[in-house]
Amino acid sequence: MNSVRFFAVLAIVSLAAGCAPPPPAGQTDVAGVPQTFYGSVIETDGALQAQGVREALTKDGRASLTFEGEVTATCAKKGCWMDVASGSDTVFVRFLDYSFFVPTEGAEGKRTVVQGEAFYDTLTVPMLKHYAEDAGKSQAEIDAITEPELRLAFTATGVMIEG
């Protein structure tokens, strides 16, 4: 009977944990600018611009690195992805094993530094439509998606967002 209660409590705790994003990893203040970390707390000095990401990918097609840019969009449903503009590139950032999330609103326009693995990814039409729904696009915008898309992508182990 005790093992049944244990597993019932474990199931309830697991479900509850899955419904709420984990809290940020930490907050710091650098030169008067607040920084919030999600996932692993990362070193933000020496981060590449996205152009450097492309250069790092020319050799093997994958590269572990840290880069910086500006958040242009986040998943409005759960915060499970974000677009980061850096130079003339936009990098599609997802989070390792969905183990952390970023804010669903309010991050746009803020400087970010992300650490993890960069690669090129072909997103299928169903996946693009799913991400468009997550972003709150209209049904007409979602229906207009008819072709897969090759994107500069990134799986982050840690993210810092300023502000």
C-alpha atoms as a PDB file:
ATOM      1  CA  MET A   1       0.000   0.000   0.000  1.00  0.00           C
ATOM      2  CA  ASN A   2       2.841   2.407   0.809  1.00  0.00           C
ATOM      3  CA  SER A   3       4.387   1.820  -2.618  1.00  0.00           C
ATOM      4  CA  VAL A   4       1.053   2.700  -4.251  1.00  0.00           C
ATOM      5  CA  ARG A   5       0.939   5.985  -2.315  1.00  0.00           C
ATOM      6  CA  PHE A   6       4.563   6.680  -3.214  1.00  0.00           C
ATOM      7  CA  PHE A   7       3.920   6.220  -6.936  1.00  0.00           C
ATOM      8  CA  ALA A   8       0.700   8.252  -6.748  1.00  0.00           C
ATOM      9  CA  VAL A   9       2.551  11.129  -5.092  1.00  0.00           C
ATOM     10  CA  LEU A  10       5.420  10.764  -7.566  1.00  0.00           C
ATOM     11  CA  ALA A  11       2.976  10.928 -10.492  1.00  0.00           C
ATOM     12  CA  ILE A  12       1.273  14.029  -9.102  1.00  0.00           C
ATOM     13  CA  VAL A  13       4.589  15.777  -8.488  1.00  0.00           C
ATOM     14  CA  SER A  14       5.814  14.830 -11.980  1.00  0.00           C
ATOM     15  CA  LEU A  15       2.655  16.159 -13.602  1.00  0.00           C
ATOM     16  CA  ALA A  16       2.821  19.365 -11.615  1.00  0.00           C
ATOM     17  CA  ALA A  17       6.480  19.822 -12.541  1.00  0.00           C
ATOM     18  CA  GLY A  18       5.656  19.379 -16.222  1.00  0.00           C
ATOM     19  CA  CYS A  19       2.998  22.099 -16.140  1.00  0.00           C
ATOM     20  CA  ALA A  20       5.186  24.887 -14.838  1.00  0.00           C
ATOM     21  CA  PRO A  21       8.485  25.923 -16.348  1.00  0.00           C
ATOM     22  CA  PRO A  22      11.455  25.569 -14.023  1.00  0.00           C
ATOM     23  CA  PRO A  23      12.666  28.817 -12.470  1.00  0.00           C
ATOM     24  CA  PRO A  24      15.606  30.696 -13.976  1.00  0.00           C
ATOM     25  CA  ALA A  25      19.024  29.381 -12.995  1.00  0.00           C
ATOM     26  CA  GLY A  26      20.081  32.676 -11.490  1.00  0.00           C
ATOM     27  CA  GLN A  27      20.222  36.422 -11.706  1.00  0.00           C
ATOM     28  CA  THR A  28      23.182  38.744 -11.638  1.00  0.00           C
ATOM     29  CA  ASP A  29      23.805  42.429 -12.197  1.00  0.00           C
ATOM     30  CA  VAL A  30      26.715  43.394 -14.463  1.00  0.00           C
ATOM     31  CA  ALA A  31      27.592  47.095 -14.691  1.00  0.00           C
ATOM     32  CA  GLY A  32      24.065  48.010 -13.618  1.00  0.00           C
ATOM     33  CA  VAL A  33      22.423  45.735 -16.213  1.00  0.00           C
ATOM     34  CA  PRO A  34      20.443  42.830 -14.758  1.00  0.00           C
ATOM     35  CA  GLN A  35      21.113  39.415 -16.320  1.00  0.00           C
ATOM     36  CA  THR A  36      18.863  36.386 -15.894  1.00  0.00           C
ATOM     37  CA  PHE A  37      20.172  32.897 -16.641  1.00  0.00           C
ATOM     38  CA  TYR A  38      18.053  29.967 -17.828  1.00  0.00           C
ATOM     39  CA  GLY A  39      19.407  26.426 -17.898  1.00  0.00           C
ATOM     40  CA  SER A  40      23.109  26.455 -17.025  1.00  0.00           C
ATOM     41  CA  VAL A  41      24.742  29.655 -15.828  1.00  0.00           C
ATOM     42  CA  ILE A  42      27.142  30.457 -18.655  1.00  0.00           C
ATOM     43  CA  GLU A  43      30.172  32.646 -19.288  1.00  0.00           C
ATOM     44  CA  THR A  44      29.047  35.586 -21.441  1.00  0.00           C
ATOM     45  CA  ASP A  45      32.419  37.153 -22.302  1.00  0.00           C
ATOM     46  CA  GLY A  46      33.849  36.448 -25.754  1.00  0.00           C
ATOM     47  CA  ALA A  47      30.568  35.393 -27.378  1.00  0.00           C
ATOM     48  CA  LEU A  48      30.471  35.304 -31.187  1.00  0.00           C
ATOM     49  CA  GLN A  49      28.101  37.212 -33.446  1.00  0.00           C
ATOM     50  CA  ALA A  50      25.955  34.930 -35.639  1.00  0.00           C
ATOM     51  CA  GLN A  51      28.295  35.475 -38.605  1.00  0.00           C
ATOM     52  CA  GLY A  52      30.896  33.668 -36.508  1.00  0.00           C
ATOM     53  CA  VAL A  53      28.398  30.839 -36.022  1.00  0.00           C
ATOM     54  CA  ARG A  54      28.195  30.299 -39.787  1.00  0.00           C
ATOM     55  CA  GLU A  55      31.986  30.323 -40.042  1.00  0.00           C
ATOM     56  CA  ALA A  56      32.239  27.746 -37.245  1.00  0.00           C
ATOM     57  CA  LEU A  57      29.854  25.469 -39.170  1.00  0.00           C
ATOM     58  CA  THR A  58      31.831  25.463 -42.429  1.00  0.00           C
ATOM     59  CA  LYS A  59      34.200  22.748 -41.229  1.00  0.00           C
ATOM     60  CA  ASP A  60      31.945  20.078 -39.672  1.00  0.00           C
ATOM     61  CA  GLY A  61      28.370  21.347 -39.962  1.00  0.00           C
ATOM     62  CA  ARG A  62      28.075  21.339 -36.141  1.00  0.00           C
ATOM     63  CA  ALA A  63      29.930  23.381 -33.541  1.00  0.00           C
ATOM     64  CA  SER A  64      29.835  23.868 -29.777  1.00  0.00           C
ATOM     65  CA  LEU A  65      30.049  27.583 -29.051  1.00  0.00           C
ATOM     66  CA  THR A  66      28.644  30.682 -27.367  1.00  0.00           C
ATOM     67  CA  PHE A  67      27.059  33.485 -29.373  1.00  0.00           C
ATOM     68  CA  GLU A  68      25.158  36.693 -28.711  1.00  0.00           C
ATOM     69  CA  GLY A  69      22.366  38.602 -30.364  1.00  0.00           C
ATOM     70  CA  GLU A  70      18.957  40.159 -29.843  1.00  0.00           C
ATOM     71  CA  VAL A  71      15.824  38.176 -29.011  1.00  0.00           C
ATOM     72  CA  THR A  72      13.273  38.773 -31.783  1.00  0.00           C
ATOM     73  CA  ALA A  73      10.624  36.223 -30.734  1.00  0.00           C
ATOM     74  CA  THR A  74       9.910  33.550 -28.143  1.00  0.00           C
ATOM     75  CA  CYS A  75       7.364  30.753 -28.018  1.00  0.00           C
ATOM     76  CA  ALA A  76       4.224  32.449 -26.696  1.00  0.00           C
ATOM     77  CA  LYS A  77       2.805  29.175 -25.349  1.00  0.00           C
ATOM     78  CA  LYS A  78       5.627  27.822 -23.192  1.00  0.00           C
ATOM     79  CA  GLY A  79       8.904  29.620 -23.926  1.00  0.00           C
ATOM     80  CA  CYS A  80      10.381  26.471 -25.486  1.00  0.00           C
ATOM     81  CA  TRP A  81      12.178  28.274 -28.353  1.00  0.00           C
ATOM     82  CA  MET A  82      13.363  31.720 -29.386  1.00  0.00           C
ATOM     83  CA  ASP A  83      14.644  33.506 -32.480  1.00  0.00           C
ATOM     84  CA  VAL A  84      17.859  35.457 -32.020  1.00  0.00           C
ATOM     85  CA  ALA A  85      18.996  38.083 -34.543  1.00  0.00           C
ATOM     86  CA  SER A  86      22.709  38.623 -34.826  1.00  0.00           C
ATOM     87  CA  GLY A  87      24.103  40.619 -37.715  1.00  0.00           C
ATOM     88  CA  SER A  88      22.200  39.606 -40.855  1.00  0.00           C
ATOM     89  CA  ASP A  89      21.315  36.158 -39.456  1.00  0.00           C
ATOM     90  CA  THR A  90      18.471  34.867 -37.342  1.00  0.00           C
ATOM     91  CA  VAL A  91      19.207  31.743 -35.324  1.00  0.00           C
ATOM     92  CA  PHE A  92      16.398  29.421 -34.214  1.00  0.00           C
ATOM     93  CA  VAL A  93      17.227  28.426 -30.613  1.00  0.00           C
ATOM     94  CA  ARG A  94      15.697  25.457 -28.794  1.00  0.00           C
ATOM     95  CA  PHE A  95      16.642  24.204 -25.330  1.00  0.00           C
ATOM     96  CA  LEU A  96      18.410  20.927 -24.577  1.00  0.00           C
ATOM     97  CA  ASP A  97      15.854  18.210 -23.756  1.00  0.00           C
ATOM     98  CA  TYR A  98      13.266  20.926 -23.001  1.00  0.00           C
ATOM     99  CA  SER A  99      14.889  21.097 -19.568  1.00  0.00           C
ATOM    100  CA  PHE A 100      14.329  24.855 -19.296  1.00  0.00           C
ATOM    101  CA  PHE A 101      12.301  27.624 -20.902  1.00  0.00           C
ATOM    102  CA  VAL A 102      12.621  31.378 -21.440  1.00  0.00           C
ATOM    103  CA  PRO A 103       9.897  33.983 -20.813  1.00  0.00           C
ATOM    104  CA  THR A 104       6.906  33.781 -23.168  1.00  0.00           C
ATOM    105  CA  GLU A 105       6.798  37.559 -23.478  1.00  0.00           C
ATOM    106  CA  GLY A 106       8.919  40.578 -22.675  1.00  0.00           C
ATOM    107  CA  ALA A 107      12.248  39.211 -23.949  1.00  0.00           C
ATOM    108  CA  GLU A 108      11.932  40.677 -27.458  1.00  0.00           C
ATOM    109  CA  GLY A 109      14.518  43.356 -28.163  1.00  0.00           C
ATOM    110  CA  LYS A 110      16.789  42.282 -25.307  1.00  0.00           C
ATOM    111  CA  ARG A 111      20.414  41.181 -25.634  1.00  0.00           C
ATOM    112  CA  THR A 112      20.985  37.474 -25.121  1.00  0.00           C
ATOM    113  CA  VAL A 113      23.964  35.155 -24.961  1.00  0.00           C
ATOM    114  CA  VAL A 114      23.415  31.440 -25.582  1.00  0.00           C
ATOM    115  CA  GLN A 115      25.757  28.481 -25.177  1.00  0.00           C
ATOM    116  CA  GLY A 116      25.373  25.070 -26.805  1.00  0.00           C
ATOM    117  CA  GLU A 117      25.569  23.478 -30.250  1.00  0.00           C
ATOM    118  CA  ALA A 118      24.978  25.184 -33.606  1.00  0.00           C
ATOM    119  CA  PHE A 119      23.914  23.352 -36.768  1.00  0.00           C
ATOM    120  CA  TYR A 120      21.769  23.682 -39.871  1.00  0.00           C
ATOM    121  CA  ASP A 121      18.303  22.161 -39.575  1.00  0.00           C
ATOM    122  CA  THR A 122      15.600  21.538 -42.146  1.00  0.00           C
ATOM    123  CA  LEU A 123      12.249  22.272 -40.540  1.00  0.00           C
ATOM    124  CA  THR A 124       9.332  20.360 -42.061  1.00  0.00           C
ATOM    125  CA  VAL A 125       6.055  22.019 -43.010  1.00  0.00           C
ATOM    126  CA  PRO A 126       4.197  20.483 -40.020  1.00  0.00           C
ATOM    127  CA  MET A 127       6.933  21.665 -37.645  1.00  0.00           C
ATOM    128  CA  LEU A 128       6.934  25.175 -39.156  1.00  0.00           C
ATOM    129  CA  LYS A 129       3.153  25.315 -38.754  1.00  0.00           C
ATOM    130  CA  HIS A 130       3.492  24.164 -35.140  1.00  0.00           C
ATOM    131  CA  TYR A 131       6.028  26.909 -34.399  1.00  0.00           C
ATOM    132  CA  ALA A 132       3.808  29.480 -36.160  1.00  0.00           C
ATOM    133  CA  GLU A 133       0.912  28.431 -33.903  1.00  0.00           C
ATOM    134  CA  ASP A 134       3.197  28.729 -30.859  1.00  0.00           C
ATOM    135  CA  ALA A 135       4.116  32.242 -31.983  1.00  0.00           C
ATOM    136  CA  GLY A 136       0.436  33.237 -32.213  1.00  0.00           C
ATOM    137  CA  LYS A 137       0.367  33.666 -36.003  1.00  0.00           C
ATOM    138  CA  SER A 138      -2.980  33.967 -37.759  1.00  0.00           C
ATOM    139  CA  GLN A 139      -4.547  30.964 -39.463  1.00  0.00           C
ATOM    140  CA  ALA A 140      -3.902  32.624 -42.853  1.00  0.00           C
ATOM    141  CA  GLU A 141      -0.177  32.912 -42.016  1.00  0.00           C
ATOM    142  CA  ILE A 142      -0.084  29.290 -40.876  1.00  0.00           C
ATOM    143  CA  ASP A 143      -1.901  28.085 -44.019  1.00  0.00           C
ATOM    144  CA  ALA A 144       0.603  29.984 -46.187  1.00  0.00           C
ATOM    145  CA  ILE A 145       3.426  27.710 -44.980  1.00  0.00           C
ATOM    146  CA  THR A 146       3.865  25.156 -47.771  1.00  0.00           C
ATOM    147  CA  GLU A 147       7.618  24.500 -48.047  1.00  0.00           C
ATOM    148  CA  PRO A 148      10.220  23.159 -45.610  1.00  0.00           C
ATOM    149  CA  GLU A 149      12.878  25.630 -44.528  1.00  0.00           C
ATOM    150  CA  LEU A 150      16.621  25.296 -43.908  1.00  0.00           C
ATOM    151  CA  ARG A 151      17.523  27.300 -40.803  1.00  0.00           C
ATOM    152  CA  LEU A 152      20.569  28.144 -38.799  1.00  0.00           C
ATOM    153  CA  ALA A 153      19.639  26.358 -35.561  1.00  0.00           C
ATOM    154  CA  PHE A 154      20.994  26.019 -32.062  1.00  0.00           C
ATOM    155  CA  THR A 155      20.414  23.708 -29.095  1.00  0.00           C
ATOM    156  CA  ALA A 156      21.182  25.728 -25.979  1.00  0.00           C
ATOM    157  CA  THR A 157      22.416  24.370 -22.668  1.00  0.00           C
ATOM    158  CA  GLY A 158      22.338  27.834 -21.101  1.00  0.00           C
ATOM    159  CA  VAL A 159      20.871  31.239 -21.918  1.00  0.00           C
ATOM    160  CA  MET A 160      21.404  34.705 -20.475  1.00  0.00           C
ATOM    161  CA  ILE A 161      18.908  37.481 -21.184  1.00  0.00           C
ATOM    162  CA  GLU A 162      19.672  41.068 -20.143  1.00  0.00           C
ATOM    163  CA  GLY A 163      17.192  43.526 -18.748  1.00  0.00           C
END
